[in-house]
Amino acid sequence: HYGGSRMFHGPIATLKCFEDNSMVREELDQPGQGRVLVVDGGGSLR
């Protein structure tokens, strides 16, 4: 956990991107309507 809300829930919106967060910005610029963005960054720690 890194956010201030340790308990959260919502409908999933998915995004697959590797070491490029351009589309993360695009998605989060949209109305979230209580959704949870699931970002598959390929497990990269770089």
All heavy atoms as atom14 arrays in JSON, in Angstrom:
{
  "sequence": "HYGGSRMFHGPIATLKCFEDNSMVREELDQPGQGRVLVVDGGGSLR",
  "atom14_mask": [
    [1, 1, 1, 1, 1, 1, 1, 1, 1, 1, 0, 0, 0, 0],
    [1, 1, 1, 1, 1, 1, 1, 1, 1, 1, 1, 1, 0, 0],
    [1, 1, 1, 1, 0, 0, 0, 0, 0, 0, 0, 0, 0, 0],
    [1, 1, 1, 1, 0, 0, 0, 0, 0, 0, 0, 0, 0, 0],
    [1, 1, 1, 1, 1, 1, 0, 0, 0, 0, 0, 0, 0, 0],
    [1, 1, 1, 1, 1, 1, 1, 1, 1, 1, 1, 0, 0, 0],
    [1, 1, 1, 1, 1, 1, 1, 1, 0, 0, 0, 0, 0, 0],
    [1, 1, 1, 1, 1, 1, 1, 1, 1, 1, 1, 0, 0, 0],
    [1, 1, 1, 1, 1, 1, 1, 1, 1, 1, 0, 0, 0, 0],
    [1, 1, 1, 1, 0, 0, 0, 0, 0, 0, 0, 0, 0, 0],
    [1, 1, 1, 1, 1, 1, 1, 0, 0, 0, 0, 0, 0, 0],
    [1, 1, 1, 1, 1, 1, 1, 1, 0, 0, 0, 0, 0, 0],
    [1, 1, 1, 1, 1, 0, 0, 0, 0, 0, 0, 0, 0, 0],
    [1, 1, 1, 1, 1, 1, 1, 0, 0, 0, 0, 0, 0, 0],
    [1, 1, 1, 1, 1, 1, 1, 1, 0, 0, 0, 0, 0, 0],
    [1, 1, 1, 1, 1, 1, 1, 1, 1, 0, 0, 0, 0, 0],
    [1, 1, 1, 1, 1, 1, 0, 0, 0, 0, 0, 0, 0, 0],
    [1, 1, 1, 1, 1, 1, 1, 1, 1, 1, 1, 0, 0, 0],
    [1, 1, 1, 1, 1, 1, 1, 1, 1, 0, 0, 0, 0, 0],
    [1, 1, 1, 1, 1, 1, 1, 1, 0, 0, 0, 0, 0, 0],
    [1, 1, 1, 1, 1, 1, 1, 1, 0, 0, 0, 0, 0, 0],
    [1, 1, 1, 1, 1, 1, 0, 0, 0, 0, 0, 0, 0, 0],
    [1, 1, 1, 1, 1, 1, 1, 1, 0, 0, 0, 0, 0, 0],
    [1, 1, 1, 1, 1, 1, 1, 0, 0, 0, 0, 0, 0, 0],
    [1, 1, 1, 1, 1, 1, 1, 1, 1, 1, 1, 0, 0, 0],
    [1, 1, 1, 1, 1, 1, 1, 1, 1, 0, 0, 0, 0, 0],
    [1, 1, 1, 1, 1, 1, 1, 1, 1, 0, 0, 0, 0, 0],
    [1, 1, 1, 1, 1, 1, 1, 1, 0, 0, 0, 0, 0, 0],
    [1, 1, 1, 1, 1, 1, 1, 1, 0, 0, 0, 0, 0, 0],
    [1, 1, 1, 1, 1, 1, 1, 1, 1, 0, 0, 0, 0, 0],
    [1, 1, 1, 1, 1, 1, 1, 0, 0, 0, 0, 0, 0, 0],
    [1, 1, 1, 1, 0, 0, 0, 0, 0, 0, 0, 0, 0, 0],
    [1, 1, 1, 1, 1, 1, 1, 1, 1, 0, 0, 0, 0, 0],
    [1, 1, 1, 1, 0, 0, 0, 0, 0, 0, 0, 0, 0, 0],
    [1, 1, 1, 1, 1, 1, 1, 1, 1, 1, 1, 0, 0, 0],
    [1, 1, 1, 1, 1, 1, 1, 0, 0, 0, 0, 0, 0, 0],
    [1, 1, 1, 1, 1, 1, 1, 1, 0, 0, 0, 0, 0, 0],
    [1, 1, 1, 1, 1, 1, 1, 0, 0, 0, 0, 0, 0, 0],
    [1, 1, 1, 1, 1, 1, 1, 0, 0, 0, 0, 0, 0, 0],
    [1, 1, 1, 1, 1, 1, 1, 1, 0, 0, 0, 0, 0, 0],
    [1, 1, 1, 1, 0, 0, 0, 0, 0, 0, 0, 0, 0, 0],
    [1, 1, 1, 1, 0, 0, 0, 0, 0, 0, 0, 0, 0, 0],
    [1, 1, 1, 1, 0, 0, 0, 0, 0, 0, 0, 0, 0, 0],
    [1, 1, 1, 1, 1, 1, 0, 0, 0, 0, 0, 0, 0, 0],
    [1, 1, 1, 1, 1, 1, 1, 1, 0, 0, 0, 0, 0, 0],
    [1, 1, 1, 1, 1, 1, 1, 1, 1, 1, 1, 0, 0, 0]
  ],
  "atom14_positions": [
    [[0.83, -1.2, 0.0], [0.0, 0.0, 0.0], [0.87, 1.25, 0.0], [1.82, 1.34, 0.78], [-0.89, 0.04, 1.25], [-2.05, -0.88, 1.19], [-3.23, -0.54, 0.58], [-2.22, -2.13, 1.68], [-4.08, -1.55, 0.7], [-3.49, -2.52, 1.36], [0.0, 0.0, 0.0], [0.0, 0.0, 0.0], [0.0, 0.0, 0.0], [0.0, 0.0, 0.0]],
    [[0.53, 2.2, -0.86], [1.23, 3.47, -0.89], [0.28, 4.66, -0.77], [0.7, 5.75, -0.41], [2.07, 3.61, -2.17], [3.24, 2.66, -2.19], [3.17, 1.48, -2.92], [4.39, 2.92, -1.47], [4.24, 0.59, -2.94], [5.46, 2.04, -1.48], [5.37, 0.87, -2.22], [6.43, -0.01, -2.22], [0.0, 0.0, 0.0], [0.0, 0.0, 0.0]],
    [[-0.98, 4.48, -1.11], [-1.94, 5.58, -1.06], [-2.48, 5.81, 0.33], [-2.31, 5.0, 1.24], [0.0, 0.0, 0.0], [0.0, 0.0, 0.0], [0.0, 0.0, 0.0], [0.0, 0.0, 0.0], [0.0, 0.0, 0.0], [0.0, 0.0, 0.0], [0.0, 0.0, 0.0], [0.0, 0.0, 0.0], [0.0, 0.0, 0.0], [0.0, 0.0, 0.0]],
    [[-3.17, 6.93, 0.49], [-3.77, 7.27, 1.77], [-4.99, 6.43, 2.1], [-5.37, 6.33, 3.27], [0.0, 0.0, 0.0], [0.0, 0.0, 0.0], [0.0, 0.0, 0.0], [0.0, 0.0, 0.0], [0.0, 0.0, 0.0], [0.0, 0.0, 0.0], [0.0, 0.0, 0.0], [0.0, 0.0, 0.0], [0.0, 0.0, 0.0], [0.0, 0.0, 0.0]],
    [[-5.61, 5.82, 1.11], [-6.76, 4.93, 1.34], [-6.26, 3.49, 1.33], [-5.86, 2.98, 0.29], [-7.82, 5.12, 0.25], [-8.31, 6.43, 0.26], [0.0, 0.0, 0.0], [0.0, 0.0, 0.0], [0.0, 0.0, 0.0], [0.0, 0.0, 0.0], [0.0, 0.0, 0.0], [0.0, 0.0, 0.0], [0.0, 0.0, 0.0], [0.0, 0.0, 0.0]],
    [[-6.3, 2.84, 2.48], [-5.78, 1.48, 2.59], [-6.86, 0.44, 2.25], [-6.55, -0.72, 2.09], [-5.25, 1.23, 4.0], [-4.33, 2.3, 4.5], [-2.92, 2.16, 4.21], [-2.27, 1.04, 4.85], [-1.02, 0.75, 4.63], [-0.31, 1.5, 3.82], [-0.46, -0.27, 5.2], [0.0, 0.0, 0.0], [0.0, 0.0, 0.0], [0.0, 0.0, 0.0]],
    [[-8.1, 0.88, 2.16], [-9.21, 0.02, 1.77], [-9.93, 0.72, 0.63], [-10.4, 1.84, 0.79], [-10.15, -0.22, 2.95], [-11.34, -1.1, 2.63], [-12.46, -1.31, 4.06], [-11.62, -2.63, 4.91], [0.0, 0.0, 0.0], [0.0, 0.0, 0.0], [0.0, 0.0, 0.0], [0.0, 0.0, 0.0], [0.0, 0.0, 0.0], [0.0, 0.0, 0.0]],
    [[-9.98, 0.08, -0.54], [-10.64, 0.7, -1.68], [-11.22, -0.38, -2.58], [-10.83, -1.54, -2.51], [-9.69, 1.62, -2.46], [-8.48, 0.96, -3.04], [-8.45, 0.56, -4.37], [-7.34, 0.74, -2.28], [-7.32, -0.04, -4.93], [-6.2, 0.14, -2.83], [-6.2, -0.25, -4.15], [0.0, 0.0, 0.0], [0.0, 0.0, 0.0], [0.0, 0.0, 0.0]],
    [[-12.16, 0.02, -3.4], [-12.78, -0.92, -4.34], [-13.41, -0.14, -5.48], [-13.63, 1.06, -5.39], [-13.84, -1.77, -3.63], [-15.08, -0.99, -3.31], [-15.14, -0.1, -2.27], [-16.29, -0.96, -3.9], [-16.35, 0.44, -2.23], [-17.07, -0.07, -3.21], [0.0, 0.0, 0.0], [0.0, 0.0, 0.0], [0.0, 0.0, 0.0], [0.0, 0.0, 0.0]],
    [[-13.71, -0.88, -6.56], [-14.41, -0.29, -7.68], [-14.3, -1.15, -8.91], [-13.54, -2.12, -8.94], [0.0, 0.0, 0.0], [0.0, 0.0, 0.0], [0.0, 0.0, 0.0], [0.0, 0.0, 0.0], [0.0, 0.0, 0.0], [0.0, 0.0, 0.0], [0.0, 0.0, 0.0], [0.0, 0.0, 0.0], [0.0, 0.0, 0.0], [0.0, 0.0, 0.0]],
    [[-15.08, -0.8, -9.93], [-14.97, -1.51, -11.21], [-13.58, -1.29, -11.81], [-13.0, -0.21, -11.67], [-16.04, -0.86, -12.09], [-16.9, -0.06, -11.19], [-16.09, 0.26, -9.98], [0.0, 0.0, 0.0], [0.0, 0.0, 0.0], [0.0, 0.0, 0.0], [0.0, 0.0, 0.0], [0.0, 0.0, 0.0], [0.0, 0.0, 0.0], [0.0, 0.0, 0.0]],
    [[-13.09, -2.29, -12.47], [-11.74, -2.27, -13.02], [-11.72, -1.62, -14.41], [-12.59, -1.87, -15.23], [-11.19, -3.71, -13.13], [-11.0, -4.32, -11.74], [-9.9, -3.76, -13.94], [-10.71, -5.82, -11.77], [0.0, 0.0, 0.0], [0.0, 0.0, 0.0], [0.0, 0.0, 0.0], [0.0, 0.0, 0.0], [0.0, 0.0, 0.0], [0.0, 0.0, 0.0]],
    [[-10.68, -0.8, -14.64], [-10.3, -0.34, -15.98], [-8.88, -0.84, -16.16], [-8.05, -0.7, -15.26], [-10.34, 1.19, -16.06], [0.0, 0.0, 0.0], [0.0, 0.0, 0.0], [0.0, 0.0, 0.0], [0.0, 0.0, 0.0], [0.0, 0.0, 0.0], [0.0, 0.0, 0.0], [0.0, 0.0, 0.0], [0.0, 0.0, 0.0], [0.0, 0.0, 0.0]],
    [[-8.58, -1.46, -17.29], [-7.25, -2.06, -17.48], [-6.39, -1.28, -18.46], [-6.89, -0.63, -19.38], [-7.37, -3.52, -17.99], [-8.01, -3.52, -19.26], [-8.11, -4.4, -17.0], [0.0, 0.0, 0.0], [0.0, 0.0, 0.0], [0.0, 0.0, 0.0], [0.0, 0.0, 0.0], [0.0, 0.0, 0.0], [0.0, 0.0, 0.0], [0.0, 0.0, 0.0]],
    [[-5.09, -1.43, -18.24], [-4.09, -0.79, -19.08], [-2.85, -1.67, -19.08], [-2.39, -2.11, -18.03], [-3.75, 0.59, -18.52], [-2.66, 1.41, -19.18], [-2.94, 1.61, -20.65], [-2.52, 2.74, -18.47], [0.0, 0.0, 0.0], [0.0, 0.0, 0.0], [0.0, 0.0, 0.0], [0.0, 0.0, 0.0], [0.0, 0.0, 0.0], [0.0, 0.0, 0.0]],
    [[-2.33, -1.94, -20.27], [-1.1, -2.73, -20.4], [-0.06, -1.84, -21.07], [-0.25, -1.37, -22.19], [-1.36, -3.98, -21.24], [-0.16, -4.9, -21.32], [-0.53, -6.19, -22.01], [0.64, -7.16, -21.92], [0.23, -8.52, -22.27], [0.0, 0.0, 0.0], [0.0, 0.0, 0.0], [0.0, 0.0, 0.0], [0.0, 0.0, 0.0], [0.0, 0.0, 0.0]],
    [[1.03, -1.58, -20.34], [2.1, -0.74, -20.87], [3.4, -1.11, -20.14], [3.36, -1.49, -18.98], [1.79, 0.74, -20.7], [1.25, 1.21, -19.06], [0.0, 0.0, 0.0], [0.0, 0.0, 0.0], [0.0, 0.0, 0.0], [0.0, 0.0, 0.0], [0.0, 0.0, 0.0], [0.0, 0.0, 0.0], [0.0, 0.0, 0.0], [0.0, 0.0, 0.0]],
    [[4.5, -1.01, -20.83], [5.78, -1.42, -20.25], [6.75, -0.25, -20.24], [7.16, 0.23, -21.32], [6.37, -2.6, -21.03], [7.62, -3.15, -20.43], [7.57, -3.93, -19.28], [8.85, -2.89, -20.99], [8.72, -4.43, -18.7], [10.01, -3.39, -20.42], [9.95, -4.17, -19.27], [0.0, 0.0, 0.0], [0.0, 0.0, 0.0], [0.0, 0.0, 0.0]],
    [[7.09, 0.2, -19.05], [8.07, 1.27, -18.84], [7.73, 2.55, -19.61], [8.62, 3.33, -19.97], [9.49, 0.77, -19.14], [9.88, -0.35, -18.21], [11.3, -0.86, -18.4], [12.03, -0.37, -19.29], [11.69, -1.78, -17.64], [0.0, 0.0, 0.0], [0.0, 0.0, 0.0], [0.0, 0.0, 0.0], [0.0, 0.0, 0.0], [0.0, 0.0, 0.0]],
    [[6.45, 2.79, -19.85], [5.94, 3.98, -20.54], [4.61, 4.33, -19.9], [3.63, 3.6, -20.06], [5.76, 3.68, -22.04], [5.24, 4.87, -22.83], [4.73, 5.85, -22.22], [5.32, 4.82, -24.06], [0.0, 0.0, 0.0], [0.0, 0.0, 0.0], [0.0, 0.0, 0.0], [0.0, 0.0, 0.0], [0.0, 0.0, 0.0], [0.0, 0.0, 0.0]],
    [[4.56, 5.44, -19.16], [3.33, 5.76, -18.45], [2.46, 6.8, -19.16], [1.55, 7.36, -18.57], [3.62, 6.2, -17.01], [4.17, 7.6, -16.9], [4.61, 8.21, -17.88], [4.17, 8.14, -15.7], [0.0, 0.0, 0.0], [0.0, 0.0, 0.0], [0.0, 0.0, 0.0], [0.0, 0.0, 0.0], [0.0, 0.0, 0.0], [0.0, 0.0, 0.0]],
    [[2.71, 7.04, -20.44], [1.9, 8.01, -21.21], [0.41, 7.68, -21.13], [-0.42, 8.57, -20.94], [2.31, 8.01, -22.68], [3.67, 8.26, -22.83], [0.0, 0.0, 0.0], [0.0, 0.0, 0.0], [0.0, 0.0, 0.0], [0.0, 0.0, 0.0], [0.0, 0.0, 0.0], [0.0, 0.0, 0.0], [0.0, 0.0, 0.0], [0.0, 0.0, 0.0]],
    [[0.08, 6.41, -21.28], [-1.33, 6.03, -21.28], [-1.92, 6.02, -19.87], [-3.13, 6.15, -19.71], [-1.51, 4.7, -21.99], [-1.15, 4.84, -23.48], [-1.52, 3.4, -24.46], [-3.29, 3.54, -24.57], [0.0, 0.0, 0.0], [0.0, 0.0, 0.0], [0.0, 0.0, 0.0], [0.0, 0.0, 0.0], [0.0, 0.0, 0.0], [0.0, 0.0, 0.0]],
    [[-1.08, 5.89, -18.85], [-1.56, 6.03, -17.48], [-2.11, 7.45, -17.31], [-3.21, 7.65, -16.8], [-0.44, 5.74, -16.45], [-0.93, 6.01, -15.03], [0.07, 4.31, -16.59], [0.0, 0.0, 0.0], [0.0, 0.0, 0.0], [0.0, 0.0, 0.0], [0.0, 0.0, 0.0], [0.0, 0.0, 0.0], [0.0, 0.0, 0.0], [0.0, 0.0, 0.0]],
    [[-1.35, 8.42, -17.79], [-1.81, 9.82, -17.74], [-3.13, 9.98, -18.51], [-4.07, 10.6, -18.0], [-0.76, 10.76, -18.34], [-1.24, 12.21, -18.44], [-0.19, 13.12, -19.06], [0.97, 13.26, -18.22], [1.08, 14.15, -17.23], [0.08, 14.95, -16.96], [2.19, 14.22, -16.53], [0.0, 0.0, 0.0], [0.0, 0.0, 0.0], [0.0, 0.0, 0.0]],
    [[-3.19, 9.43, -19.71], [-4.42, 9.55, -20.52], [-5.62, 8.97, -19.79], [-6.7, 9.56, -19.79], [-4.23, 8.86, -21.87], [-3.31, 9.58, -22.81], [-3.11, 8.82, -24.12], [-3.98, 8.0, -24.49], [-2.08, 9.07, -24.78], [0.0, 0.0, 0.0], [0.0, 0.0, 0.0], [0.0, 0.0, 0.0], [0.0, 0.0, 0.0], [0.0, 0.0, 0.0]],
    [[-5.44, 7.8, -19.19], [-6.56, 7.16, -18.48], [-6.98, 7.98, -17.27], [-8.16, 8.18, -17.03], [-6.19, 5.74, -18.05], [-6.19, 4.74, -19.18], [-7.56, 4.58, -19.81], [-8.52, 4.17, -19.11], [-7.69, 4.84, -21.01], [0.0, 0.0, 0.0], [0.0, 0.0, 0.0], [0.0, 0.0, 0.0], [0.0, 0.0, 0.0], [0.0, 0.0, 0.0]],
    [[-6.01, 8.45, -16.48], [-6.34, 9.19, -15.26], [-6.84, 10.59, -15.54], [-7.43, 11.22, -14.65], [-5.12, 9.22, -14.32], [-4.71, 7.85, -13.79], [-3.46, 7.96, -12.93], [-5.84, 7.16, -13.03], [0.0, 0.0, 0.0], [0.0, 0.0, 0.0], [0.0, 0.0, 0.0], [0.0, 0.0, 0.0], [0.0, 0.0, 0.0], [0.0, 0.0, 0.0]],
    [[-6.68, 11.07, -16.77], [-7.28, 12.34, -17.18], [-8.78, 12.19, -17.41], [-9.5, 13.19, -17.48], [-6.64, 12.85, -18.48], [-5.39, 13.69, -18.23], [-5.24, 14.22, -17.11], [-4.56, 13.79, -19.16], [0.0, 0.0, 0.0], [0.0, 0.0, 0.0], [0.0, 0.0, 0.0], [0.0, 0.0, 0.0], [0.0, 0.0, 0.0], [0.0, 0.0, 0.0]],
    [[-9.26, 10.97, -17.55], [-10.68, 10.68, -17.78], [-11.43, 10.61, -16.46], [-10.85, 10.31, -15.42], [-10.83, 9.35, -18.52], [-10.07, 9.25, -19.82], [-10.47, 10.33, -20.8], [-11.65, 10.61, -21.0], [-9.48, 10.97, -21.4], [0.0, 0.0, 0.0], [0.0, 0.0, 0.0], [0.0, 0.0, 0.0], [0.0, 0.0, 0.0], [0.0, 0.0, 0.0]],
    [[-12.75, 10.84, -16.47], [-13.53, 10.67, -15.25], [-13.4, 9.23, -14.73], [-13.62, 8.27, -15.47], [-14.97, 10.97, -15.69], [-14.82, 11.81, -16.92], [-13.57, 11.32, -17.59], [0.0, 0.0, 0.0], [0.0, 0.0, 0.0], [0.0, 0.0, 0.0], [0.0, 0.0, 0.0], [0.0, 0.0, 0.0], [0.0, 0.0, 0.0], [0.0, 0.0, 0.0]],
    [[-13.02, 9.1, -13.48], [-12.8, 7.77, -12.89], [-14.09, 7.08, -12.48], [-14.19, 5.87, -12.53], [0.0, 0.0, 0.0], [0.0, 0.0, 0.0], [0.0, 0.0, 0.0], [0.0, 0.0, 0.0], [0.0, 0.0, 0.0], [0.0, 0.0, 0.0], [0.0, 0.0, 0.0], [0.0, 0.0, 0.0], [0.0, 0.0, 0.0], [0.0, 0.0, 0.0]],
    [[-15.08, 7.86, -12.04], [-16.38, 7.32, -11.64], [-16.22, 6.17, -10.65], [-16.93, 5.17, -10.72], [-17.18, 6.88, -12.86], [-17.4, 8.04, -13.83], [-17.98, 7.6, -15.15], [-17.63, 6.54, -15.68], [-18.86, 8.42, -15.7], [0.0, 0.0, 0.0], [0.0, 0.0, 0.0], [0.0, 0.0, 0.0], [0.0, 0.0, 0.0], [0.0, 0.0, 0.0]],
    [[-15.26, 6.3, -9.72], [-15.07, 5.29, -8.69], [-14.36, 4.03, -9.14], [-14.32, 3.03, -8.41], [0.0, 0.0, 0.0], [0.0, 0.0, 0.0], [0.0, 0.0, 0.0], [0.0, 0.0, 0.0], [0.0, 0.0, 0.0], [0.0, 0.0, 0.0], [0.0, 0.0, 0.0], [0.0, 0.0, 0.0], [0.0, 0.0, 0.0], [0.0, 0.0, 0.0]],
    [[-13.79, 4.05, -10.33], [-13.1, 2.86, -10.84], [-11.7, 2.72, -10.26], [-11.15, 3.63, -9.67], [-13.0, 2.91, -12.37], [-14.34, 2.79, -13.07], [-14.2, 2.89, -14.58], [-13.76, 4.24, -14.94], [-13.23, 4.56, -16.11], [-13.04, 3.62, -17.03], [-12.87, 5.8, -16.37], [0.0, 0.0, 0.0], [0.0, 0.0, 0.0], [0.0, 0.0, 0.0]],
    [[-11.12, 1.53, -10.48], [-9.75, 1.24, -10.11], [-8.98, 0.95, -11.39], [-9.36, 0.06, -12.15], [-9.67, 0.02, -9.16], [-8.21, -0.34, -8.87], [-10.44, 0.27, -7.87], [0.0, 0.0, 0.0], [0.0, 0.0, 0.0], [0.0, 0.0, 0.0], [0.0, 0.0, 0.0], [0.0, 0.0, 0.0], [0.0, 0.0, 0.0], [0.0, 0.0, 0.0]],
    [[-7.92, 1.72, -11.63], [-7.09, 1.49, -12.8], [-6.06, 0.42, -12.48], [-5.28, 0.56, -11.54], [-6.37, 2.78, -13.22], [-5.48, 2.67, -14.47], [-6.31, 2.25, -15.7], [-4.75, 3.98, -14.73], [0.0, 0.0, 0.0], [0.0, 0.0, 0.0], [0.0, 0.0, 0.0], [0.0, 0.0, 0.0], [0.0, 0.0, 0.0], [0.0, 0.0, 0.0]],
    [[-6.09, -0.67, -13.23], [-5.13, -1.76, -13.09], [-4.11, -1.6, -14.21], [-4.45, -1.73, -15.38], [-5.82, -3.14, -13.15], [-4.8, -4.26, -13.13], [-6.82, -3.28, -12.0], [0.0, 0.0, 0.0], [0.0, 0.0, 0.0], [0.0, 0.0, 0.0], [0.0, 0.0, 0.0], [0.0, 0.0, 0.0], [0.0, 0.0, 0.0], [0.0, 0.0, 0.0]],
    [[-2.87, -1.3, -13.82], [-1.79, -1.05, -14.77], [-0.84, -2.24, -14.77], [-0.17, -2.51, -13.77], [-1.0, 0.23, -14.39], [0.13, 0.47, -15.39], [-1.93, 1.43, -14.31], [0.0, 0.0, 0.0], [0.0, 0.0, 0.0], [0.0, 0.0, 0.0], [0.0, 0.0, 0.0], [0.0, 0.0, 0.0], [0.0, 0.0, 0.0], [0.0, 0.0, 0.0]],
    [[-0.8, -2.95, -15.89], [0.16, -4.05, -16.02], [1.42, -3.48, -16.65], [1.53, -3.33, -17.85], [-0.4, -5.19, -16.86], [0.56, -6.37, -16.92], [1.64, -6.31, -16.29], [0.22, -7.36, -17.59], [0.0, 0.0, 0.0], [0.0, 0.0, 0.0], [0.0, 0.0, 0.0], [0.0, 0.0, 0.0], [0.0, 0.0, 0.0], [0.0, 0.0, 0.0]],
    [[2.37, -3.18, -15.78], [3.66, -2.67, -16.23], [4.68, -3.77, -16.4], [5.88, -3.52, -16.39], [0.0, 0.0, 0.0], [0.0, 0.0, 0.0], [0.0, 0.0, 0.0], [0.0, 0.0, 0.0], [0.0, 0.0, 0.0], [0.0, 0.0, 0.0], [0.0, 0.0, 0.0], [0.0, 0.0, 0.0], [0.0, 0.0, 0.0], [0.0, 0.0, 0.0]],
    [[4.19, -5.0, -16.54], [5.09, -6.14, -16.76], [5.94, -6.5, -15.56], [6.89, -7.26, -15.69], [0.0, 0.0, 0.0], [0.0, 0.0, 0.0], [0.0, 0.0, 0.0], [0.0, 0.0, 0.0], [0.0, 0.0, 0.0], [0.0, 0.0, 0.0], [0.0, 0.0, 0.0], [0.0, 0.0, 0.0], [0.0, 0.0, 0.0], [0.0, 0.0, 0.0]],
    [[5.61, -5.94, -14.4], [6.39, -6.23, -13.2], [7.75, -5.55, -13.19], [8.6, -5.87, -12.35], [0.0, 0.0, 0.0], [0.0, 0.0, 0.0], [0.0, 0.0, 0.0], [0.0, 0.0, 0.0], [0.0, 0.0, 0.0], [0.0, 0.0, 0.0], [0.0, 0.0, 0.0], [0.0, 0.0, 0.0], [0.0, 0.0, 0.0], [0.0, 0.0, 0.0]],
    [[7.97, -4.6, -14.09], [9.26, -3.94, -14.17], [9.54, -3.13, -12.91], [8.68, -2.38, -12.43], [9.32, -3.0, -15.38], [10.53, -2.27, -15.36], [0.0, 0.0, 0.0], [0.0, 0.0, 0.0], [0.0, 0.0, 0.0], [0.0, 0.0, 0.0], [0.0, 0.0, 0.0], [0.0, 0.0, 0.0], [0.0, 0.0, 0.0], [0.0, 0.0, 0.0]],
    [[10.75, -3.26, -12.41], [11.2, -2.49, -11.25], [12.2, -1.41, -11.67], [12.82, -0.77, -10.83], [11.84, -3.42, -10.22], [10.94, -4.54, -9.7], [11.69, -5.41, -8.7], [9.66, -3.98, -9.08], [0.0, 0.0, 0.0], [0.0, 0.0, 0.0], [0.0, 0.0, 0.0], [0.0, 0.0, 0.0], [0.0, 0.0, 0.0], [0.0, 0.0, 0.0]],
    [[12.32, -1.18, -12.98], [13.33, -0.25, -13.5], [12.89, 1.2, -13.54], [13.74, 2.1, -13.65], [13.79, -0.68, -14.89], [14.51, -2.02, -14.86], [15.12, -2.37, -16.17], [14.09, -2.61, -17.18], [14.22, -3.47, -18.18], [15.34, -4.16, -18.31], [13.26, -3.64, -19.05], [0.0, 0.0, 0.0], [0.0, 0.0, 0.0], [0.0, 0.0, 0.0]]
  ]
}
